[in-house]
Amino acid sequence: MWRVYKWNGHYIMGDLISKHSSEAAALKAAKKSIKFKNTEKEKKGKETFIWLDSANYMPLGVIVKKSRG
């Protein structure tokens, strides 16, 4: 399950925007609601993060997937 989070002024993973079953759908929803310019995909352990940044690399949100097993 891919979860899209928006920066709420205090935390990057602040407000949950939506949940999606595919990465493409999550990116499409993030593009519509957050309007980011740059992305960076990172994998740490069992989690996959897609960091969403503005044109000057200020953090705007993140897409997170926690995999099982």
Protein backbone atom coordinates (compact mmCIF):
# COMPACT_ATOMS: atom_id res chain seq x y z
CA MET A 1 0.00 0.00 0.00
CA TRP A 2 1.48 3.31 -1.11
CA ARG A 3 0.67 6.26 1.18
CA VAL A 4 1.02 9.91 0.12
CA TYR A 5 1.93 12.38 2.88
CA LYS A 6 2.09 16.18 2.66
CA TRP A 7 4.29 18.50 4.70
CA ASN A 8 2.14 20.22 7.36
CA GLY A 9 4.60 22.93 8.41
CA HIS A 10 6.15 20.79 11.13
CA TYR A 11 6.67 17.26 9.75
CA ILE A 12 7.37 16.09 6.21
CA MET A 13 5.22 13.03 6.90
CA GLY A 14 2.52 15.24 8.40
CA ASP A 15 -0.88 14.92 6.70
CA LEU A 16 -2.04 11.73 4.99
CA ILE A 17 -3.41 12.70 1.58
CA SER A 18 -4.34 9.32 0.07
CA LYS A 19 -3.61 5.57 -0.17
CA HIS A 20 -3.00 3.68 -3.41
CA SER A 21 -2.21 0.16 -4.55
CA SER A 22 0.28 1.20 -7.25
CA GLU A 23 3.24 3.55 -7.37
CA ALA A 24 1.97 5.24 -10.54
CA ALA A 25 -1.37 6.08 -8.94
CA ALA A 26 0.36 7.47 -5.85
CA LEU A 27 2.63 9.69 -7.97
CA LYS A 28 -0.36 10.92 -9.98
CA ALA A 29 -2.28 11.85 -6.82
CA ALA A 30 0.78 13.56 -5.34
CA LYS A 31 1.35 15.56 -8.53
CA LYS A 32 -2.27 16.74 -8.39
CA SER A 33 -2.34 17.75 -4.71
CA ILE A 34 1.28 18.69 -3.84
CA LYS A 35 2.65 20.02 -7.17
CA PHE A 36 6.27 18.87 -6.67
CA LYS A 37 9.10 19.25 -9.21
CA ASN A 38 11.75 16.69 -8.13
CA THR A 39 11.63 13.15 -6.75
CA GLU A 40 14.19 10.86 -5.16
CA LYS A 41 13.50 7.17 -4.54
CA GLU A 42 15.18 5.51 -1.57
CA LYS A 43 14.89 2.05 -0.03
CA LYS A 44 15.64 1.50 3.66
CA GLY A 45 15.05 -1.98 5.01
CA LYS A 46 11.43 -2.94 4.32
CA GLU A 47 10.31 0.58 3.43
CA THR A 48 10.46 2.45 0.13
CA PHE A 49 10.40 6.25 0.21
CA ILE A 50 9.83 8.64 -2.68
CA TRP A 51 10.77 12.12 -1.48
CA LEU A 52 8.87 14.98 -3.13
CA ASP A 53 10.73 18.30 -3.44
CA SER A 54 10.09 21.72 -4.93
CA ALA A 55 12.23 23.26 -7.69
CA ASN A 56 14.74 24.56 -5.12
CA TYR A 57 14.76 21.18 -3.27
CA MET A 58 12.61 22.22 -0.31
CA PRO A 59 10.75 19.14 1.04
CA LEU A 60 7.04 19.10 0.24
CA GLY A 61 6.05 15.52 1.05
CA VAL A 62 6.80 11.83 0.79
CA ILE A 63 5.29 8.65 -0.62
CA VAL A 64 5.87 5.60 1.58
CA LYS A 65 5.43 1.87 0.99
CA LYS A 66 5.99 -0.65 3.77
CA SER A 67 6.53 -4.15 2.40
CA ARG A 68 5.92 -7.32 4.34
CA GLY A 69 8.27 -10.15 5.07
